[in-house]
N, C-alpha and C. Protein backbone atom coordinates (compact mmCIF):
# COMPACT_ATOMS: atom_id res chain seq x y z
N MET A 1 -30.39 5.86 9.02
CA MET A 1 -29.64 5.23 7.96
C MET A 1 -30.46 5.27 6.69
N LYS A 2 -29.77 5.44 5.59
CA LYS A 2 -30.43 5.49 4.28
C LYS A 2 -30.58 4.08 3.75
N HIS A 3 -31.66 3.82 3.09
CA HIS A 3 -31.87 2.50 2.47
C HIS A 3 -32.08 2.70 0.98
N ALA A 4 -31.59 1.76 0.20
CA ALA A 4 -31.70 1.88 -1.25
C ALA A 4 -32.75 0.91 -1.79
N SER A 5 -33.37 1.34 -2.83
CA SER A 5 -34.29 0.46 -3.53
C SER A 5 -33.51 -0.27 -4.61
N SER A 6 -34.16 -1.20 -5.28
CA SER A 6 -33.47 -1.92 -6.36
C SER A 6 -33.17 -1.02 -7.55
N GLU A 7 -33.80 0.16 -7.63
CA GLU A 7 -33.53 1.08 -8.74
C GLU A 7 -32.35 2.01 -8.44
N GLY A 8 -31.73 1.91 -7.27
CA GLY A 8 -30.59 2.76 -6.95
C GLY A 8 -30.99 4.14 -6.47
N ILE A 9 -32.20 4.29 -5.95
CA ILE A 9 -32.66 5.56 -5.40
C ILE A 9 -32.88 5.35 -3.91
N THR A 10 -32.42 6.29 -3.09
CA THR A 10 -32.59 6.16 -1.65
C THR A 10 -34.03 6.41 -1.26
N ALA A 11 -34.34 6.10 -0.02
CA ALA A 11 -35.70 6.29 0.50
C ALA A 11 -36.11 7.76 0.47
N VAL A 12 -35.14 8.66 0.48
CA VAL A 12 -35.46 10.09 0.43
C VAL A 12 -35.47 10.62 -1.00
N GLY A 13 -35.41 9.73 -1.99
CA GLY A 13 -35.60 10.10 -3.38
C GLY A 13 -34.40 10.66 -4.12
N ARG A 14 -33.21 10.50 -3.60
CA ARG A 14 -32.02 10.96 -4.32
C ARG A 14 -31.21 9.75 -4.78
N PRO A 15 -30.34 9.96 -5.77
CA PRO A 15 -29.53 8.83 -6.26
C PRO A 15 -28.65 8.25 -5.15
N LEU A 16 -28.41 6.97 -5.23
CA LEU A 16 -27.55 6.25 -4.31
C LEU A 16 -26.12 6.75 -4.46
N THR A 17 -25.41 6.93 -3.35
CA THR A 17 -24.00 7.36 -3.38
C THR A 17 -23.11 6.23 -2.85
N ARG A 18 -21.82 6.38 -3.06
CA ARG A 18 -20.86 5.39 -2.55
C ARG A 18 -20.90 5.36 -1.02
N ALA A 19 -21.12 6.52 -0.39
CA ALA A 19 -21.23 6.56 1.07
C ALA A 19 -22.45 5.76 1.53
N ASP A 20 -23.55 5.84 0.79
CA ASP A 20 -24.74 5.03 1.10
C ASP A 20 -24.39 3.55 1.05
N VAL A 21 -23.64 3.16 0.02
CA VAL A 21 -23.27 1.75 -0.15
C VAL A 21 -22.42 1.29 1.04
N THR A 22 -21.49 2.13 1.48
CA THR A 22 -20.67 1.78 2.65
C THR A 22 -21.56 1.55 3.87
N GLU A 23 -22.51 2.45 4.09
CA GLU A 23 -23.44 2.29 5.22
C GLU A 23 -24.23 0.99 5.10
N MET A 24 -24.68 0.67 3.90
CA MET A 24 -25.43 -0.56 3.69
C MET A 24 -24.57 -1.79 3.98
N ILE A 25 -23.30 -1.75 3.56
CA ILE A 25 -22.38 -2.86 3.78
C ILE A 25 -22.14 -3.06 5.28
N VAL A 26 -21.84 -1.98 5.99
CA VAL A 26 -21.57 -2.09 7.42
C VAL A 26 -22.81 -2.60 8.17
N ALA A 27 -23.97 -2.08 7.82
CA ALA A 27 -25.21 -2.52 8.47
C ALA A 27 -25.46 -4.01 8.21
N ALA A 28 -25.27 -4.44 6.96
CA ALA A 28 -25.50 -5.85 6.62
C ALA A 28 -24.47 -6.75 7.29
N LYS A 29 -23.23 -6.30 7.36
CA LYS A 29 -22.18 -7.07 8.04
C LYS A 29 -22.56 -7.33 9.49
N ILE A 30 -23.03 -6.29 10.15
CA ILE A 30 -23.44 -6.43 11.56
C ILE A 30 -24.68 -7.32 11.66
N ARG A 31 -25.66 -7.05 10.84
CA ARG A 31 -26.92 -7.81 10.87
C ARG A 31 -26.68 -9.30 10.64
N LYS A 32 -25.76 -9.62 9.71
CA LYS A 32 -25.51 -11.02 9.35
C LYS A 32 -24.40 -11.67 10.19
N GLY A 33 -23.73 -10.88 11.04
CA GLY A 33 -22.67 -11.42 11.89
C GLY A 33 -21.46 -11.89 11.11
N LEU A 34 -21.12 -11.17 10.04
CA LEU A 34 -19.99 -11.55 9.19
C LEU A 34 -18.68 -10.98 9.73
N ALA A 35 -17.58 -11.65 9.46
CA ALA A 35 -16.23 -11.16 9.82
C ALA A 35 -15.52 -10.74 8.54
N TRP A 36 -14.71 -9.68 8.62
CA TRP A 36 -13.98 -9.17 7.44
C TRP A 36 -13.13 -10.26 6.80
N LYS A 37 -12.48 -11.11 7.61
CA LYS A 37 -11.61 -12.15 7.03
C LYS A 37 -12.43 -13.15 6.21
N ASP A 38 -13.67 -13.44 6.66
CA ASP A 38 -14.52 -14.36 5.91
C ASP A 38 -15.04 -13.72 4.63
N ILE A 39 -15.37 -12.44 4.72
CA ILE A 39 -15.80 -11.69 3.54
C ILE A 39 -14.66 -11.67 2.52
N ALA A 40 -13.44 -11.40 3.00
CA ALA A 40 -12.26 -11.34 2.13
C ALA A 40 -12.02 -12.66 1.42
N ALA A 41 -12.20 -13.75 2.13
CA ALA A 41 -12.01 -15.07 1.51
C ALA A 41 -12.97 -15.26 0.34
N LYS A 42 -14.19 -14.77 0.48
CA LYS A 42 -15.18 -14.90 -0.60
C LYS A 42 -14.85 -13.96 -1.76
N VAL A 43 -14.35 -12.76 -1.44
CA VAL A 43 -13.99 -11.77 -2.47
C VAL A 43 -12.70 -12.18 -3.18
N GLY A 44 -11.83 -12.92 -2.46
CA GLY A 44 -10.59 -13.39 -3.06
C GLY A 44 -9.41 -12.44 -2.89
N ARG A 45 -9.46 -11.60 -1.87
CA ARG A 45 -8.37 -10.66 -1.57
C ARG A 45 -8.06 -10.75 -0.08
N SER A 46 -7.02 -10.02 0.35
CA SER A 46 -6.67 -9.99 1.77
C SER A 46 -7.77 -9.29 2.57
N ALA A 47 -7.80 -9.59 3.86
CA ALA A 47 -8.77 -8.91 4.74
C ALA A 47 -8.50 -7.41 4.77
N GLU A 48 -7.24 -7.02 4.72
CA GLU A 48 -6.89 -5.60 4.77
C GLU A 48 -7.41 -4.87 3.54
N TRP A 49 -7.14 -5.41 2.34
CA TRP A 49 -7.57 -4.76 1.11
C TRP A 49 -9.09 -4.78 1.00
N THR A 50 -9.69 -5.93 1.29
CA THR A 50 -11.14 -6.05 1.17
C THR A 50 -11.87 -5.09 2.10
N THR A 51 -11.39 -4.98 3.33
CA THR A 51 -12.01 -4.05 4.28
C THR A 51 -11.91 -2.63 3.76
N ALA A 52 -10.72 -2.24 3.29
CA ALA A 52 -10.54 -0.88 2.74
C ALA A 52 -11.47 -0.67 1.55
N ALA A 53 -11.58 -1.67 0.70
CA ALA A 53 -12.43 -1.55 -0.49
C ALA A 53 -13.90 -1.39 -0.11
N LEU A 54 -14.36 -2.21 0.80
CA LEU A 54 -15.78 -2.17 1.15
C LEU A 54 -16.12 -0.97 2.02
N LEU A 55 -15.11 -0.34 2.61
CA LEU A 55 -15.33 0.91 3.34
C LEU A 55 -15.14 2.13 2.43
N GLY A 56 -14.95 1.88 1.13
CA GLY A 56 -14.95 2.96 0.15
C GLY A 56 -13.61 3.49 -0.28
N GLN A 57 -12.51 2.79 0.02
CA GLN A 57 -11.19 3.30 -0.29
C GLN A 57 -10.48 2.60 -1.45
N MET A 58 -11.09 1.59 -2.03
CA MET A 58 -10.52 0.87 -3.17
C MET A 58 -11.62 0.60 -4.18
N GLN A 59 -11.20 0.36 -5.41
CA GLN A 59 -12.13 0.06 -6.50
C GLN A 59 -12.20 -1.45 -6.70
N LEU A 60 -13.40 -2.01 -6.67
CA LEU A 60 -13.58 -3.43 -6.89
C LEU A 60 -13.79 -3.71 -8.37
N GLY A 61 -13.40 -4.89 -8.80
CA GLY A 61 -13.72 -5.35 -10.15
C GLY A 61 -15.16 -5.83 -10.18
N ARG A 62 -15.68 -6.08 -11.38
CA ARG A 62 -17.08 -6.49 -11.53
C ARG A 62 -17.39 -7.75 -10.71
N GLU A 63 -16.55 -8.76 -10.84
CA GLU A 63 -16.80 -10.02 -10.12
C GLU A 63 -16.78 -9.80 -8.61
N GLN A 64 -15.81 -9.04 -8.11
CA GLN A 64 -15.73 -8.76 -6.68
C GLN A 64 -16.96 -7.98 -6.21
N ALA A 65 -17.38 -7.00 -7.00
CA ALA A 65 -18.55 -6.18 -6.65
C ALA A 65 -19.81 -7.05 -6.62
N GLU A 66 -19.93 -7.98 -7.54
CA GLU A 66 -21.09 -8.87 -7.56
C GLU A 66 -21.09 -9.81 -6.35
N ILE A 67 -19.91 -10.28 -5.97
CA ILE A 67 -19.81 -11.13 -4.76
C ILE A 67 -20.24 -10.31 -3.54
N ALA A 68 -19.75 -9.10 -3.44
CA ALA A 68 -20.11 -8.23 -2.32
C ALA A 68 -21.61 -7.97 -2.30
N ALA A 69 -22.18 -7.71 -3.46
CA ALA A 69 -23.62 -7.46 -3.55
C ALA A 69 -24.42 -8.66 -3.04
N GLY A 70 -23.97 -9.85 -3.40
CA GLY A 70 -24.64 -11.06 -2.92
C GLY A 70 -24.52 -11.24 -1.41
N LEU A 71 -23.34 -10.96 -0.90
CA LEU A 71 -23.12 -11.11 0.55
C LEU A 71 -23.95 -10.12 1.36
N PHE A 72 -24.09 -8.90 0.84
CA PHE A 72 -24.72 -7.82 1.60
C PHE A 72 -26.10 -7.43 1.09
N ASP A 73 -26.65 -8.20 0.14
CA ASP A 73 -27.97 -7.91 -0.42
C ASP A 73 -28.07 -6.49 -0.99
N LEU A 74 -27.07 -6.13 -1.82
CA LEU A 74 -27.01 -4.78 -2.38
C LEU A 74 -27.73 -4.72 -3.73
N PRO A 75 -28.28 -3.56 -4.08
CA PRO A 75 -28.92 -3.40 -5.39
C PRO A 75 -27.89 -3.30 -6.51
N GLU A 76 -28.33 -3.44 -7.74
CA GLU A 76 -27.43 -3.38 -8.91
C GLU A 76 -26.67 -2.06 -8.98
N GLU A 77 -27.30 -0.97 -8.60
CA GLU A 77 -26.62 0.34 -8.62
C GLU A 77 -25.40 0.33 -7.70
N ALA A 78 -25.49 -0.39 -6.58
CA ALA A 78 -24.35 -0.51 -5.66
C ALA A 78 -23.20 -1.27 -6.32
N VAL A 79 -23.53 -2.29 -7.11
CA VAL A 79 -22.49 -3.04 -7.84
C VAL A 79 -21.72 -2.08 -8.73
N LYS A 80 -22.42 -1.19 -9.40
CA LYS A 80 -21.77 -0.20 -10.27
C LYS A 80 -20.91 0.76 -9.46
N LEU A 81 -21.44 1.24 -8.34
CA LEU A 81 -20.70 2.20 -7.51
C LEU A 81 -19.45 1.59 -6.90
N LEU A 82 -19.48 0.30 -6.58
CA LEU A 82 -18.29 -0.37 -6.03
C LEU A 82 -17.16 -0.45 -7.05
N GLN A 83 -17.49 -0.27 -8.34
CA GLN A 83 -16.49 -0.35 -9.40
C GLN A 83 -15.94 1.01 -9.83
N VAL A 84 -16.40 2.07 -9.18
CA VAL A 84 -15.94 3.42 -9.50
C VAL A 84 -14.69 3.74 -8.67
N ALA A 85 -13.70 4.36 -9.28
CA ALA A 85 -12.50 4.78 -8.54
C ALA A 85 -12.92 5.75 -7.44
N PRO A 86 -12.59 5.44 -6.18
CA PRO A 86 -13.07 6.25 -5.06
C PRO A 86 -12.23 7.51 -4.83
N TYR A 87 -12.81 8.42 -4.07
CA TYR A 87 -12.09 9.56 -3.53
C TYR A 87 -11.43 9.04 -2.27
N LYS A 88 -10.12 8.82 -2.32
CA LYS A 88 -9.42 8.17 -1.21
C LYS A 88 -9.04 9.16 -0.11
N GLY A 89 -8.84 8.62 1.08
CA GLY A 89 -8.39 9.43 2.20
C GLY A 89 -9.45 10.39 2.69
N SER A 90 -10.66 9.95 2.71
CA SER A 90 -11.77 10.85 3.04
C SER A 90 -12.26 10.67 4.47
N LEU A 91 -11.40 10.97 5.45
CA LEU A 91 -11.85 10.97 6.84
C LEU A 91 -12.78 12.16 7.04
N PRO A 92 -13.73 12.05 7.98
CA PRO A 92 -14.71 13.13 8.14
C PRO A 92 -14.15 14.44 8.70
N THR A 93 -12.99 14.39 9.36
CA THR A 93 -12.39 15.61 9.92
C THR A 93 -10.91 15.64 9.60
N ALA A 94 -10.30 16.83 9.63
CA ALA A 94 -8.86 16.95 9.35
C ALA A 94 -8.04 16.19 10.39
N VAL A 95 -8.37 16.36 11.65
CA VAL A 95 -7.74 15.59 12.72
C VAL A 95 -8.76 14.54 13.14
N PRO A 96 -8.43 13.25 13.01
CA PRO A 96 -9.40 12.21 13.34
C PRO A 96 -9.83 12.29 14.81
N THR A 97 -11.09 12.00 15.06
CA THR A 97 -11.60 12.02 16.43
C THR A 97 -11.81 10.62 16.99
N ASP A 98 -11.91 9.61 16.14
CA ASP A 98 -12.02 8.24 16.63
C ASP A 98 -10.72 7.89 17.36
N PRO A 99 -10.79 7.38 18.60
CA PRO A 99 -9.57 7.13 19.38
C PRO A 99 -8.55 6.23 18.70
N LEU A 100 -8.98 5.16 18.03
CA LEU A 100 -8.02 4.28 17.39
C LEU A 100 -7.35 4.97 16.20
N ILE A 101 -8.14 5.61 15.36
CA ILE A 101 -7.57 6.31 14.20
C ILE A 101 -6.69 7.48 14.67
N TYR A 102 -7.09 8.16 15.75
CA TYR A 102 -6.30 9.26 16.28
C TYR A 102 -4.91 8.78 16.72
N ARG A 103 -4.83 7.55 17.23
CA ARG A 103 -3.51 7.02 17.64
C ARG A 103 -2.57 6.90 16.44
N PHE A 104 -3.12 6.55 15.29
CA PHE A 104 -2.28 6.50 14.09
C PHE A 104 -1.86 7.90 13.67
N TYR A 105 -2.75 8.84 13.80
CA TYR A 105 -2.42 10.24 13.54
C TYR A 105 -1.29 10.68 14.46
N GLY A 106 -1.41 10.33 15.74
CA GLY A 106 -0.36 10.65 16.71
C GLY A 106 0.93 9.96 16.38
N LEU A 107 0.85 8.71 15.94
CA LEU A 107 2.05 7.96 15.57
C LEU A 107 2.79 8.67 14.44
N VAL A 108 2.06 9.14 13.45
CA VAL A 108 2.69 9.86 12.33
C VAL A 108 3.25 11.20 12.82
N ASN A 109 2.53 11.87 13.72
CA ASN A 109 3.04 13.13 14.26
C ASN A 109 4.35 12.92 15.01
N VAL A 110 4.45 11.85 15.79
CA VAL A 110 5.65 11.59 16.58
C VAL A 110 6.76 10.98 15.73
N TYR A 111 6.42 9.99 14.90
CA TYR A 111 7.44 9.25 14.17
C TYR A 111 7.53 9.59 12.68
N GLY A 112 6.68 10.46 12.18
CA GLY A 112 6.70 10.79 10.75
C GLY A 112 8.04 11.29 10.27
N ALA A 113 8.62 12.22 11.01
CA ALA A 113 9.94 12.75 10.63
C ALA A 113 11.00 11.65 10.69
N THR A 114 10.85 10.73 11.63
CA THR A 114 11.79 9.61 11.74
C THR A 114 11.65 8.68 10.53
N PHE A 115 10.40 8.35 10.16
CA PHE A 115 10.19 7.54 8.96
C PHE A 115 10.86 8.21 7.76
N LYS A 116 10.60 9.50 7.60
CA LYS A 116 11.14 10.25 6.47
C LYS A 116 12.67 10.21 6.44
N GLU A 117 13.29 10.52 7.57
CA GLU A 117 14.76 10.53 7.64
C GLU A 117 15.35 9.16 7.33
N LEU A 118 14.81 8.13 7.93
CA LEU A 118 15.36 6.79 7.74
C LEU A 118 15.13 6.27 6.33
N ILE A 119 13.97 6.54 5.75
CA ILE A 119 13.72 6.14 4.36
C ILE A 119 14.66 6.88 3.42
N HIS A 120 14.84 8.18 3.64
CA HIS A 120 15.73 8.95 2.77
C HIS A 120 17.18 8.51 2.93
N GLU A 121 17.58 8.20 4.15
CA GLU A 121 18.95 7.73 4.37
C GLU A 121 19.19 6.39 3.68
N GLU A 122 18.20 5.52 3.73
CA GLU A 122 18.35 4.18 3.15
C GLU A 122 18.16 4.16 1.63
N PHE A 123 17.19 4.94 1.12
CA PHE A 123 16.80 4.86 -0.29
C PHE A 123 17.13 6.10 -1.10
N GLY A 124 17.21 7.25 -0.46
CA GLY A 124 17.36 8.52 -1.17
C GLY A 124 16.07 9.31 -1.10
N ASP A 125 16.02 10.43 -1.82
CA ASP A 125 14.86 11.31 -1.79
C ASP A 125 13.72 10.69 -2.58
N GLY A 126 12.67 10.30 -1.88
CA GLY A 126 11.52 9.68 -2.52
C GLY A 126 10.46 9.36 -1.49
N ILE A 127 9.51 8.52 -1.87
CA ILE A 127 8.40 8.19 -0.99
C ILE A 127 8.12 6.69 -1.02
N MET A 128 7.36 6.23 -0.04
CA MET A 128 6.84 4.88 -0.04
C MET A 128 5.44 4.95 -0.65
N SER A 129 5.22 4.15 -1.66
CA SER A 129 3.94 4.15 -2.36
C SER A 129 2.82 3.60 -1.48
N ALA A 130 1.67 4.24 -1.57
CA ALA A 130 0.45 3.69 -0.97
C ALA A 130 -0.42 3.09 -2.07
N ILE A 131 0.11 3.07 -3.30
CA ILE A 131 -0.59 2.47 -4.43
C ILE A 131 -0.07 1.05 -4.64
N ASP A 132 1.25 0.91 -4.81
CA ASP A 132 1.88 -0.41 -4.89
C ASP A 132 2.23 -0.76 -3.44
N PHE A 133 1.26 -1.27 -2.71
CA PHE A 133 1.30 -1.33 -1.26
C PHE A 133 0.65 -2.61 -0.76
N GLU A 134 1.19 -3.15 0.32
CA GLU A 134 0.59 -4.29 1.01
C GLU A 134 0.62 -4.03 2.50
N MET A 135 -0.36 -4.59 3.20
CA MET A 135 -0.42 -4.44 4.65
C MET A 135 -0.91 -5.75 5.24
N LYS A 136 -0.41 -6.05 6.42
CA LYS A 136 -0.87 -7.23 7.15
C LYS A 136 -1.02 -6.85 8.61
N LEU A 137 -2.16 -7.21 9.18
CA LEU A 137 -2.42 -6.95 10.59
C LEU A 137 -2.47 -8.29 11.32
N GLU A 138 -1.73 -8.37 12.43
CA GLU A 138 -1.68 -9.62 13.20
C GLU A 138 -1.87 -9.35 14.68
N ARG A 139 -2.42 -10.32 15.37
CA ARG A 139 -2.52 -10.29 16.83
C ARG A 139 -1.35 -11.09 17.39
N LEU A 140 -0.58 -10.50 18.30
CA LEU A 140 0.54 -11.19 18.93
C LEU A 140 0.22 -11.41 20.40
N PRO A 141 0.01 -12.67 20.79
CA PRO A 141 -0.28 -12.94 22.20
C PRO A 141 0.91 -12.50 23.07
N ASP A 142 0.61 -11.90 24.20
CA ASP A 142 1.64 -11.43 25.13
C ASP A 142 1.06 -11.52 26.53
N PRO A 143 1.80 -12.10 27.48
CA PRO A 143 1.27 -12.23 28.84
C PRO A 143 0.93 -10.88 29.48
N LYS A 144 1.56 -9.81 29.04
CA LYS A 144 1.28 -8.48 29.60
C LYS A 144 0.13 -7.79 28.87
N GLY A 145 -0.45 -8.44 27.89
CA GLY A 145 -1.53 -7.86 27.09
C GLY A 145 -1.20 -8.04 25.62
N ASP A 146 -2.14 -8.58 24.86
CA ASP A 146 -1.89 -8.84 23.45
C ASP A 146 -1.46 -7.58 22.73
N ARG A 147 -0.66 -7.76 21.69
CA ARG A 147 -0.11 -6.66 20.92
C ARG A 147 -0.65 -6.70 19.50
N VAL A 148 -0.62 -5.57 18.85
CA VAL A 148 -1.03 -5.44 17.45
C VAL A 148 0.23 -5.24 16.62
N ARG A 149 0.40 -6.07 15.59
CA ARG A 149 1.52 -5.88 14.66
C ARG A 149 0.92 -5.53 13.30
N ILE A 150 1.34 -4.40 12.78
CA ILE A 150 0.93 -3.99 11.44
C ILE A 150 2.19 -3.89 10.60
N THR A 151 2.24 -4.68 9.55
CA THR A 151 3.37 -4.65 8.64
C THR A 151 2.90 -3.97 7.36
N MET A 152 3.61 -2.91 6.98
CA MET A 152 3.28 -2.18 5.75
C MET A 152 4.46 -2.29 4.81
N SER A 153 4.18 -2.55 3.55
CA SER A 153 5.21 -2.67 2.55
C SER A 153 4.76 -1.91 1.30
N GLY A 154 5.48 -0.84 1.00
CA GLY A 154 5.16 -0.05 -0.17
C GLY A 154 6.37 0.08 -1.08
N LYS A 155 6.14 0.10 -2.35
CA LYS A 155 7.22 0.27 -3.32
C LYS A 155 7.87 1.63 -3.10
N TYR A 156 9.21 1.66 -3.18
CA TYR A 156 9.93 2.93 -3.08
C TYR A 156 9.85 3.65 -4.42
N LEU A 157 9.48 4.91 -4.38
CA LEU A 157 9.39 5.72 -5.59
C LEU A 157 10.30 6.94 -5.45
N PRO A 158 11.42 6.94 -6.17
CA PRO A 158 12.33 8.10 -6.08
C PRO A 158 11.75 9.30 -6.83
N TYR A 159 12.06 10.49 -6.33
CA TYR A 159 11.68 11.69 -7.07
C TYR A 159 12.52 11.76 -8.32
N LYS A 160 11.92 12.15 -9.42
CA LYS A 160 12.56 12.18 -10.72
C LYS A 160 13.15 13.56 -10.98
N ALA A 161 14.39 13.61 -11.40
CA ALA A 161 15.00 14.86 -11.83
C ALA A 161 14.68 15.06 -13.31
N TYR A 162 14.26 16.25 -13.68
CA TYR A 162 13.93 16.52 -15.08
C TYR A 162 14.36 17.89 -15.49
């Protein structure tokens, strides 16, 4: 694992990257025994958004970045990097290999055409925004085994004729 100095330079002498900051956050979270929902409460956003942001998929504001830096003992350079618009959707491989993430890939492969057809039938030719978007993850107790409920809500964006 790479470690950063207070000057924003890694132990191997190169500038700190956003990926380095993500590694530092995950390591500190584990080391300190923090939960994403508790981190989110301190940042002032949902657990879903905060987790995505701290894993490098969202841009934090200055105040949020400073709170994160305090929670995870990050250098000032990390505060700056947390405020940069990220390169989103950056999984390490084209087809995910992590079993949980792969299940979502499979879900889209199986139901993607169904989502598309039903959204187009209900709304017309367009897309569901992942920018104007909300998500909620819940645990549903079930005697046959607990279930995961993920609710996604994105603004409908029709294609524009011009």
